[in-house]
Amino acid sequence: MSLEKRLEQRLRIAVKRRGGIALKFYCLSYTGMPDRIILMPGGKVYFVELKSEYKKPSPRQAFVHEQLRQLGFDVSYMNTEEQLTSFLDRIIQN
């Protein structure tokens, strides 16, 4: 199993245990959207882009992620176990 798939699986399980939902996000009409939308109790919404180790978002993805941030959304990119752990710790505290 690739690192990206392991991170995705770990993310889904951890979010579910904390009462949230980690939806796989497909948007055929608007490319570059993050892989997952995380919905947490209290109406908190997070966008997450997962990549294999050493890979980065494409220029289109980086552009869309910045658009989402400018709209006030929380957008995270991660390609290591440590980054995922840090993200999960952060959303639990919010």
PDB file of N, CA and C in Angstrom:
ATOM      1  N   MET A   1       0.854  -1.185   0.000  1.00  0.00           N
ATOM      2  CA  MET A   1       0.000   0.000   0.000  1.00  0.00           C
ATOM      3  C   MET A   1       0.895   1.242   0.000  1.00  0.00           C
ATOM      4  N   SER A   2       0.555   2.208  -0.846  1.00  0.00           N
ATOM      5  CA  SER A   2       1.352   3.432  -0.942  1.00  0.00           C
ATOM      6  C   SER A   2       1.187   4.278   0.326  1.00  0.00           C
ATOM      7  N   LEU A   3       2.140   5.153   0.541  1.00  0.00           N
ATOM      8  CA  LEU A   3       2.069   6.049   1.697  1.00  0.00           C
ATOM      9  C   LEU A   3       0.807   6.908   1.625  1.00  0.00           C
ATOM     10  N   GLU A   4       0.474   7.390   0.447  1.00  0.00           N
ATOM     11  CA  GLU A   4      -0.726   8.219   0.302  1.00  0.00           C
ATOM     12  C   GLU A   4      -1.968   7.458   0.745  1.00  0.00           C
ATOM     13  N   LYS A   5      -2.094   6.209   0.353  1.00  0.00           N
ATOM     14  CA  LYS A   5      -3.244   5.391   0.751  1.00  0.00           C
ATOM     15  C   LYS A   5      -3.246   5.135   2.255  1.00  0.00           C
ATOM     16  N   ARG A   6      -2.060   4.900   2.825  1.00  0.00           N
ATOM     17  CA  ARG A   6      -1.982   4.683   4.284  1.00  0.00           C
ATOM     18  C   ARG A   6      -2.397   5.940   5.039  1.00  0.00           C
ATOM     19  N   LEU A   7      -1.926   7.094   4.569  1.00  0.00           N
ATOM     20  CA  LEU A   7      -2.312   8.352   5.219  1.00  0.00           C
ATOM     21  C   LEU A   7      -3.817   8.567   5.124  1.00  0.00           C
ATOM     22  N   GLU A   8      -4.367   8.275   3.953  1.00  0.00           N
ATOM     23  CA  GLU A   8      -5.805   8.453   3.750  1.00  0.00           C
ATOM     24  C   GLU A   8      -6.607   7.532   4.675  1.00  0.00           C
ATOM     25  N   GLN A   9      -6.188   6.305   4.785  1.00  0.00           N
ATOM     26  CA  GLN A   9      -6.872   5.350   5.660  1.00  0.00           C
ATOM     27  C   GLN A   9      -6.780   5.786   7.123  1.00  0.00           C
ATOM     28  N   ARG A  10      -5.601   6.183   7.524  1.00  0.00           N
ATOM     29  CA  ARG A  10      -5.415   6.639   8.906  1.00  0.00           C
ATOM     30  C   ARG A  10      -6.261   7.884   9.191  1.00  0.00           C
ATOM     31  N   LEU A  11      -6.308   8.795   8.238  1.00  0.00           N
ATOM     32  CA  LEU A  11      -7.115  10.005   8.386  1.00  0.00           C
ATOM     33  C   LEU A  11      -8.587   9.650   8.566  1.00  0.00           C
ATOM     34  N   ARG A  12      -9.123   8.809   7.693  1.00  0.00           N
ATOM     35  CA  ARG A  12     -10.533   8.423   7.775  1.00  0.00           C
ATOM     36  C   ARG A  12     -10.867   7.803   9.127  1.00  0.00           C
ATOM     37  N   ILE A  13     -10.037   6.884   9.592  1.00  0.00           N
ATOM     38  CA  ILE A  13     -10.290   6.194  10.854  1.00  0.00           C
ATOM     39  C   ILE A  13     -10.214   7.165  12.031  1.00  0.00           C
ATOM     40  N   ALA A  14      -9.186   8.007  12.046  1.00  0.00           N
ATOM     41  CA  ALA A  14      -9.003   8.946  13.162  1.00  0.00           C
ATOM     42  C   ALA A  14     -10.145   9.959  13.228  1.00  0.00           C
ATOM     43  N   VAL A  15     -10.576  10.453  12.088  1.00  0.00           N
ATOM     44  CA  VAL A  15     -11.672  11.429  12.064  1.00  0.00           C
ATOM     45  C   VAL A  15     -12.962  10.771  12.545  1.00  0.00           C
ATOM     46  N   LYS A  16     -13.226   9.561  12.083  1.00  0.00           N
ATOM     47  CA  LYS A  16     -14.432   8.843  12.497  1.00  0.00           C
ATOM     48  C   LYS A  16     -14.447   8.616  14.007  1.00  0.00           C
ATOM     49  N   ARG A  17     -13.318   8.244  14.568  1.00  0.00           N
ATOM     50  CA  ARG A  17     -13.223   8.016  16.025  1.00  0.00           C
ATOM     51  C   ARG A  17     -13.516   9.276  16.815  1.00  0.00           C
ATOM     52  N   ARG A  18     -13.285  10.423  16.200  1.00  0.00           N
ATOM     53  CA  ARG A  18     -13.512  11.702  16.869  1.00  0.00           C
ATOM     54  C   ARG A  18     -14.872  12.291  16.526  1.00  0.00           C
ATOM     55  N   GLY A  19     -15.739  11.474  15.920  1.00  0.00           N
ATOM     56  CA  GLY A  19     -17.106  11.898  15.645  1.00  0.00           C
ATOM     57  C   GLY A  19     -17.301  12.653  14.353  1.00  0.00           C
ATOM     58  N   GLY A  20     -16.291  12.645  13.485  1.00  0.00           N
ATOM     59  CA  GLY A  20     -16.393  13.383  12.236  1.00  0.00           C
ATOM     60  C   GLY A  20     -16.536  12.477  11.032  1.00  0.00           C
ATOM     61  N   ILE A  21     -16.528  13.105   9.861  1.00  0.00           N
ATOM     62  CA  ILE A  21     -16.645  12.398   8.593  1.00  0.00           C
ATOM     63  C   ILE A  21     -15.530  12.900   7.682  1.00  0.00           C
ATOM     64  N   ALA A  22     -14.829  11.978   7.026  1.00  0.00           N
ATOM     65  CA  ALA A  22     -13.779  12.322   6.059  1.00  0.00           C
ATOM     66  C   ALA A  22     -14.263  11.895   4.680  1.00  0.00           C
ATOM     67  N   LEU A  23     -14.825  12.840   3.943  1.00  0.00           N
ATOM     68  CA  LEU A  23     -15.403  12.547   2.634  1.00  0.00           C
ATOM     69  C   LEU A  23     -14.357  12.645   1.525  1.00  0.00           C
ATOM     70  N   LYS A  24     -14.343  11.654   0.650  1.00  0.00           N
ATOM     71  CA  LYS A  24     -13.524  11.730  -0.561  1.00  0.00           C
ATOM     72  C   LYS A  24     -14.191  12.753  -1.450  1.00  0.00           C
ATOM     73  N   PHE A  25     -13.413  13.682  -1.986  1.00  0.00           N
ATOM     74  CA  PHE A  25     -13.997  14.795  -2.726  1.00  0.00           C
ATOM     75  C   PHE A  25     -13.626  14.721  -4.197  1.00  0.00           C
ATOM     76  N   TYR A  26     -14.639  14.631  -5.052  1.00  0.00           N
ATOM     77  CA  TYR A  26     -14.461  14.676  -6.498  1.00  0.00           C
ATOM     78  C   TYR A  26     -15.250  15.864  -7.019  1.00  0.00           C
ATOM     79  N   CYS A  27     -14.615  16.687  -7.786  1.00  0.00           N
ATOM     80  CA  CYS A  27     -15.314  17.825  -8.385  1.00  0.00           C
ATOM     81  C   CYS A  27     -14.909  17.882  -9.854  1.00  0.00           C
ATOM     82  N   LEU A  28     -15.704  17.280 -10.689  1.00  0.00           N
ATOM     83  CA  LEU A  28     -15.372  17.192 -12.109  1.00  0.00           C
ATOM     84  C   LEU A  28     -15.398  18.552 -12.808  1.00  0.00           C
ATOM     85  N   SER A  29     -16.181  19.472 -12.295  1.00  0.00           N
ATOM     86  CA  SER A  29     -16.321  20.761 -12.959  1.00  0.00           C
ATOM     87  C   SER A  29     -15.301  21.802 -12.492  1.00  0.00           C
ATOM     88  N   TYR A  30     -14.495  21.470 -11.470  1.00  0.00           N
ATOM     89  CA  TYR A  30     -13.518  22.431 -10.956  1.00  0.00           C
ATOM     90  C   TYR A  30     -12.292  21.660 -10.480  1.00  0.00           C
ATOM     91  N   THR A  31     -11.275  21.617 -11.306  1.00  0.00           N
ATOM     92  CA  THR A  31     -10.090  20.814 -10.995  1.00  0.00           C
ATOM     93  C   THR A  31      -9.226  21.469  -9.922  1.00  0.00           C
ATOM     94  N   GLY A  32      -8.445  20.622  -9.250  1.00  0.00           N
ATOM     95  CA  GLY A  32      -7.501  21.113  -8.256  1.00  0.00           C
ATOM     96  C   GLY A  32      -8.002  21.109  -6.834  1.00  0.00           C
ATOM     97  N   MET A  33      -9.232  20.649  -6.632  1.00  0.00           N
ATOM     98  CA  MET A  33      -9.774  20.622  -5.270  1.00  0.00           C
ATOM     99  C   MET A  33      -9.030  19.579  -4.430  1.00  0.00           C
ATOM    100  N   PRO A  34      -8.938  19.793  -3.113  1.00  0.00           N
ATOM    101  CA  PRO A  34      -8.273  18.824  -2.233  1.00  0.00           C
ATOM    102  C   PRO A  34      -8.956  17.461  -2.248  1.00  0.00           C
ATOM    103  N   ASP A  35      -8.210  16.432  -1.828  1.00  0.00           N
ATOM    104  CA  ASP A  35      -8.687  15.044  -1.834  1.00  0.00           C
ATOM    105  C   ASP A  35      -9.862  14.790  -0.893  1.00  0.00           C
ATOM    106  N   ARG A  36      -9.816  15.388   0.278  1.00  0.00           N
ATOM    107  CA  ARG A  36     -10.805  15.097   1.321  1.00  0.00           C
ATOM    108  C   ARG A  36     -11.385  16.370   1.911  1.00  0.00           C
ATOM    109  N   ILE A  37     -12.652  16.282   2.271  1.00  0.00           N
ATOM    110  CA  ILE A  37     -13.295  17.311   3.087  1.00  0.00           C
ATOM    111  C   ILE A  37     -13.574  16.654   4.430  1.00  0.00           C
ATOM    112  N   ILE A  38     -13.077  17.253   5.476  1.00  0.00           N
ATOM    113  CA  ILE A  38     -13.255  16.731   6.832  1.00  0.00           C
ATOM    114  C   ILE A  38     -14.337  17.565   7.505  1.00  0.00           C
ATOM    115  N   LEU A  39     -15.390  16.895   7.951  1.00  0.00           N
ATOM    116  CA  LEU A  39     -16.495  17.544   8.660  1.00  0.00           C
ATOM    117  C   LEU A  39     -16.449  17.088  10.107  1.00  0.00           C
ATOM    118  N   MET A  40     -16.264  18.038  11.010  1.00  0.00           N
ATOM    119  CA  MET A  40     -16.130  17.714  12.428  1.00  0.00           C
ATOM    120  C   MET A  40     -17.290  18.307  13.219  1.00  0.00           C
ATOM    121  N   PRO A  41     -17.540  17.731  14.397  1.00  0.00           N
ATOM    122  CA  PRO A  41     -18.598  18.274  15.248  1.00  0.00           C
ATOM    123  C   PRO A  41     -18.408  19.781  15.460  1.00  0.00           C
ATOM    124  N   GLY A  42     -19.509  20.463  15.599  1.00  0.00           N
ATOM    125  CA  GLY A  42     -19.460  21.903  15.799  1.00  0.00           C
ATOM    126  C   GLY A  42     -19.405  22.679  14.498  1.00  0.00           C
ATOM    127  N   GLY A  43     -19.602  21.995  13.375  1.00  0.00           N
ATOM    128  CA  GLY A  43     -19.616  22.675  12.087  1.00  0.00           C
ATOM    129  C   GLY A  43     -18.250  23.037  11.543  1.00  0.00           C
ATOM    130  N   LYS A  44     -17.210  22.383  12.024  1.00  0.00           N
ATOM    131  CA  LYS A  44     -15.853  22.685  11.547  1.00  0.00           C
ATOM    132  C   LYS A  44     -15.579  21.910  10.259  1.00  0.00           C
ATOM    133  N   VAL A  45     -15.015  22.630   9.275  1.00  0.00           N
ATOM    134  CA  VAL A  45     -14.732  22.050   7.961  1.00  0.00           C
ATOM    135  C   VAL A  45     -13.256  22.246   7.638  1.00  0.00           C
ATOM    136  N   TYR A  46     -12.624  21.173   7.175  1.00  0.00           N
ATOM    137  CA  TYR A  46     -11.214  21.198   6.796  1.00  0.00           C
ATOM    138  C   TYR A  46     -11.066  20.539   5.431  1.00  0.00           C
ATOM    139  N   PHE A  47     -10.217  21.098   4.593  1.00  0.00           N
ATOM    140  CA  PHE A  47      -9.867  20.482   3.316  1.00  0.00           C
ATOM    141  C   PHE A  47      -8.474  19.893   3.461  1.00  0.00           C
ATOM    142  N   VAL A  48      -8.281  18.673   2.956  1.00  0.00           N
ATOM    143  CA  VAL A  48      -6.996  17.979   3.103  1.00  0.00           C
ATOM    144  C   VAL A  48      -6.544  17.428   1.758  1.00  0.00           C
ATOM    145  N   GLU A  49      -5.295  17.712   1.425  1.00  0.00           N
ATOM    146  CA  GLU A  49      -4.634  17.150   0.250  1.00  0.00           C
ATOM    147  C   GLU A  49      -3.559  16.189   0.741  1.00  0.00           C
ATOM    148  N   LEU A  50      -3.657  14.945   0.319  1.00  0.00           N
ATOM    149  CA  LEU A  50      -2.685  13.918   0.699  1.00  0.00           C
ATOM    150  C   LEU A  50      -1.839  13.547  -0.516  1.00  0.00           C
ATOM    151  N   LYS A  51      -0.549  13.396  -0.289  1.00  0.00           N
ATOM    152  CA  LYS A  51       0.369  13.018  -1.363  1.00  0.00           C
ATOM    153  C   LYS A  51       1.337  11.960  -0.855  1.00  0.00           C
ATOM    154  N   SER A  52       1.937  11.247  -1.795  1.00  0.00           N
ATOM    155  CA  SER A  52       3.014  10.323  -1.443  1.00  0.00           C
ATOM    156  C   SER A  52       4.224  11.134  -1.013  1.00  0.00           C
ATOM    157  N   GLU A  53       5.099  10.484  -0.285  1.00  0.00           N
ATOM    158  CA  GLU A  53       6.298  11.155   0.221  1.00  0.00           C
ATOM    159  C   GLU A  53       7.065  11.825  -0.913  1.00  0.00           C
ATOM    160  N   TYR A  54       7.535  13.038  -0.663  1.00  0.00           N
ATOM    161  CA  TYR A  54       8.322  13.863  -1.586  1.00  0.00           C
ATOM    162  C   TYR A  54       7.501  14.473  -2.727  1.00  0.00           C
ATOM    163  N   LYS A  55       6.215  14.188  -2.789  1.00  0.00           N
ATOM    164  CA  LYS A  55       5.389  14.791  -3.830  1.00  0.00           C
ATOM    165  C   LYS A  55       4.704  16.041  -3.290  1.00  0.00           C
ATOM    166  N   LYS A  56       4.463  16.981  -4.183  1.00  0.00           N
ATOM    167  CA  LYS A  56       3.831  18.242  -3.818  1.00  0.00           C
ATOM    168  C   LYS A  56       2.593  18.454  -4.677  1.00  0.00           C
ATOM    169  N   PRO A  57       1.698  19.341  -4.244  1.00  0.00           N
ATOM    170  CA  PRO A  57       0.538  19.659  -5.073  1.00  0.00           C
ATOM    171  C   PRO A  57       0.971  20.231  -6.425  1.00  0.00           C
ATOM    172  N   SER A  58       0.170  19.963  -7.433  1.00  0.00           N
ATOM    173  CA  SER A  58       0.429  20.530  -8.760  1.00  0.00           C
ATOM    174  C   SER A  58       0.213  22.044  -8.693  1.00  0.00           C
ATOM    175  N   PRO A  59       0.694  22.772  -9.693  1.00  0.00           N
ATOM    176  CA  PRO A  59       0.428  24.219  -9.707  1.00  0.00           C
ATOM    177  C   PRO A  59      -1.067  24.546  -9.637  1.00  0.00           C
ATOM    178  N   ARG A  60      -1.897  23.785 -10.335  1.00  0.00           N
ATOM    179  CA  ARG A  60      -3.347  24.019 -10.277  1.00  0.00           C
ATOM    180  C   ARG A  60      -3.874  23.788  -8.869  1.00  0.00           C
ATOM    181  N   GLN A  61      -3.435  22.690  -8.231  1.00  0.00           N
ATOM    182  CA  GLN A  61      -3.879  22.411  -6.863  1.00  0.00           C
ATOM    183  C   GLN A  61      -3.445  23.524  -5.924  1.00  0.00           C
ATOM    184  N   ALA A  62      -2.204  23.974  -6.038  1.00  0.00           N
ATOM    185  CA  ALA A  62      -1.708  25.049  -5.169  1.00  0.00           C
ATOM    186  C   ALA A  62      -2.543  26.317  -5.355  1.00  0.00           C
ATOM    187  N   PHE A  63      -2.911  26.617  -6.596  1.00  0.00           N
ATOM    188  CA  PHE A  63      -3.741  27.782  -6.883  1.00  0.00           C
ATOM    189  C   PHE A  63      -5.110  27.656  -6.211  1.00  0.00           C
ATOM    190  N   VAL A  64      -5.753  26.506  -6.386  1.00  0.00           N
ATOM    191  CA  VAL A  64      -7.086  26.287  -5.804  1.00  0.00           C
ATOM    192  C   VAL A  64      -7.014  26.292  -4.278  1.00  0.00           C
ATOM    193  N   HIS A  65      -5.989  25.685  -3.719  1.00  0.00           N
ATOM    194  CA  HIS A  65      -5.842  25.670  -2.261  1.00  0.00           C
ATOM    195  C   HIS A  65      -5.726  27.095  -1.731  1.00  0.00           C
ATOM    196  N   GLU A  66      -4.971  27.931  -2.430  1.00  0.00           N
ATOM    197  CA  GLU A  66      -4.842  29.325  -2.004  1.00  0.00           C
ATOM    198  C   GLU A  66      -6.172  30.062  -2.134  1.00  0.00           C
ATOM    199  N   GLN A  67      -6.935  29.781  -3.171  1.00  0.00           N
ATOM    200  CA  GLN A  67      -8.273  30.387  -3.307  1.00  0.00           C
ATOM    201  C   GLN A  67      -9.145  30.026  -2.113  1.00  0.00           C
ATOM    202  N   LEU A  68      -9.119  28.751  -1.728  1.00  0.00           N
ATOM    203  CA  LEU A  68      -9.920  28.302  -0.583  1.00  0.00           C
ATOM    204  C   LEU A  68      -9.470  28.998   0.700  1.00  0.00           C
ATOM    205  N   ARG A  69      -8.171  29.134   0.875  1.00  0.00           N
ATOM    206  CA  ARG A  69      -7.652  29.835   2.070  1.00  0.00           C
ATOM    207  C   ARG A  69      -8.112  31.290   2.086  1.00  0.00           C
ATOM    208  N   GLN A  70      -8.080  31.938   0.930  1.00  0.00           N
ATOM    209  CA  GLN A  70      -8.518  33.334   0.862  1.00  0.00           C
ATOM    210  C   GLN A  70     -10.002  33.479   1.187  1.00  0.00           C
ATOM    211  N   LEU A  71     -10.770  32.421   0.968  1.00  0.00           N
ATOM    212  CA  LEU A  71     -12.190  32.423   1.340  1.00  0.00           C
ATOM    213  C   LEU A  71     -12.393  32.103   2.826  1.00  0.00           C
ATOM    214  N   GLY A  72     -11.294  31.797   3.522  1.00  0.00           N
ATOM    215  CA  GLY A  72     -11.380  31.538   4.953  1.00  0.00           C
ATOM    216  C   GLY A  72     -11.402  30.076   5.347  1.00  0.00           C
ATOM    217  N   PHE A  73     -11.209  29.176   4.391  1.00  0.00           N
ATOM    218  CA  PHE A  73     -11.213  27.745   4.703  1.00  0.00           C
ATOM    219  C   PHE A  73      -9.834  27.274   5.150  1.00  0.00           C
ATOM    220  N   ASP A  74      -9.844  26.254   5.970  1.00  0.00           N
ATOM    221  CA  ASP A  74      -8.620  25.616   6.440  1.00  0.00           C
ATOM    222  C   ASP A  74      -8.231  24.546   5.420  1.00  0.00           C
ATOM    223  N   VAL A  75      -7.085  24.710   4.772  1.00  0.00           N
ATOM    224  CA  VAL A  75      -6.600  23.761   3.769  1.00  0.00           C
ATOM    225  C   VAL A  75      -5.235  23.252   4.216  1.00  0.00           C
ATOM    226  N   SER A  76      -5.109  21.941   4.335  1.00  0.00           N
ATOM    227  CA  SER A  76      -3.843  21.337   4.751  1.00  0.00           C
ATOM    228  C   SER A  76      -3.339  20.381   3.682  1.00  0.00           C
ATOM    229  N   TYR A  77      -2.033  20.364   3.544  1.00  0.00           N
ATOM    230  CA  TYR A  77      -1.356  19.442   2.640  1.00  0.00           C
ATOM    231  C   TYR A  77      -0.417  18.607   3.484  1.00  0.00           C
ATOM    232  N   MET A  78      -0.404  17.301   3.254  1.00  0.00           N
ATOM    233  CA  MET A  78       0.502  16.453   4.024  1.00  0.00           C
ATOM    234  C   MET A  78       0.992  15.284   3.196  1.00  0.00           C
ATOM    235  N   ASN A  79       2.261  14.933   3.431  1.00  0.00           N
ATOM    236  CA  ASN A  79       2.852  13.790   2.751  1.00  0.00           C
ATOM    237  C   ASN A  79       3.751  12.971   3.669  1.00  0.00           C
ATOM    238  N   THR A  80       3.549  13.132   4.987  1.00  0.00           N
ATOM    239  CA  THR A  80       4.271  12.322   5.965  1.00  0.00           C
ATOM    240  C   THR A  80       3.340  11.960   7.119  1.00  0.00           C
ATOM    241  N   GLU A  81       3.681  10.911   7.820  1.00  0.00           N
ATOM    242  CA  GLU A  81       2.930  10.507   9.024  1.00  0.00           C
ATOM    243  C   GLU A  81       2.952  11.626  10.066  1.00  0.00           C
ATOM    244  N   GLU A  82       4.086  12.300  10.200  1.00  0.00           N
ATOM    245  CA  GLU A  82       4.227  13.367  11.196  1.00  0.00           C
ATOM    246  C   GLU A  82       3.284  14.528  10.898  1.00  0.00           C
ATOM    247  N   GLN A  83       3.156  14.886   9.624  1.00  0.00           N
ATOM    248  CA  GLN A  83       2.241  15.967   9.254  1.00  0.00           C
ATOM    249  C   GLN A  83       0.796  15.583   9.538  1.00  0.00           C
ATOM    250  N   LEU A  84       0.456  14.335   9.283  1.00  0.00           N
ATOM    251  CA  LEU A  84      -0.902  13.872   9.576  1.00  0.00           C
ATOM    252  C   LEU A  84      -1.172  13.905  11.072  1.00  0.00           C
ATOM    253  N   THR A  85      -0.223  13.437  11.870  1.00  0.00           N
ATOM    254  CA  THR A  85      -0.379  13.467  13.328  1.00  0.00           C
ATOM    255  C   THR A  85      -0.571  14.897  13.820  1.00  0.00           C
ATOM    256  N   SER A  86       0.221  15.817  13.299  1.00  0.00           N
ATOM    257  CA  SER A  86       0.111  17.223  13.683  1.00  0.00           C
ATOM    258  C   SER A  86      -1.263  17.782  13.310  1.00  0.00           C
ATOM    259  N   PHE A  87      -1.759  17.453  12.134  1.00  0.00           N
ATOM    260  CA  PHE A  87      -3.085  17.909  11.705  1.00  0.00           C
ATOM    261  C   PHE A  87      -4.167  17.358  12.627  1.00  0.00           C
ATOM    262  N   LEU A  88      -4.102  16.064  12.929  1.00  0.00           N
ATOM    263  CA  LEU A  88      -5.121  15.460  13.790  1.00  0.00           C
ATOM    264  C   LEU A  88      -5.096  16.074  15.185  1.00  0.00           C
ATOM    265  N   ASP A  89      -3.915  16.320  15.715  1.00  0.00           N
ATOM    266  CA  ASP A  89      -3.806  16.985  17.025  1.00  0.00           C
ATOM    267  C   ASP A  89      -4.441  18.372  16.975  1.00  0.00           C
ATOM    268  N   ARG A  90      -4.223  19.089  15.892  1.00  0.00           N
ATOM    269  CA  ARG A  90      -4.744  20.452  15.758  1.00  0.00           C
ATOM    270  C   ARG A  90      -6.269  20.464  15.668  1.00  0.00           C
ATOM    271  N   ILE A  91      -6.850  19.560  14.895  1.00  0.00           N
ATOM    272  CA  ILE A  91      -8.313  19.610  14.738  1.00  0.00           C
ATOM    273  C   ILE A  91      -9.026  19.113  15.976  1.00  0.00           C
ATOM    274  N   ILE A  92      -8.364  18.289  16.783  1.00  0.00           N
ATOM    275  CA  ILE A  92      -8.964  17.839  18.033  1.00  0.00           C
ATOM    276  C   ILE A  92      -9.040  18.997  19.024  1.00  0.00           C
ATOM    277  N   GLN A  93      -8.034  19.847  19.024  1.00  0.00           N
ATOM    278  CA  GLN A  93      -7.972  20.975  19.958  1.00  0.00           C
ATOM    279  C   GLN A  93      -8.939  22.096  19.588  1.00  0.00           C
ATOM    280  N   ASN A  94      -9.334  22.166  18.309  1.00  0.00           N
ATOM    281  CA  ASN A  94     -10.231  23.253  17.864  1.00  0.00           C
ATOM    282  C   ASN A  94     -11.652  22.990  18.268  1.00  0.00           C
TER     283      ASN A  94
END
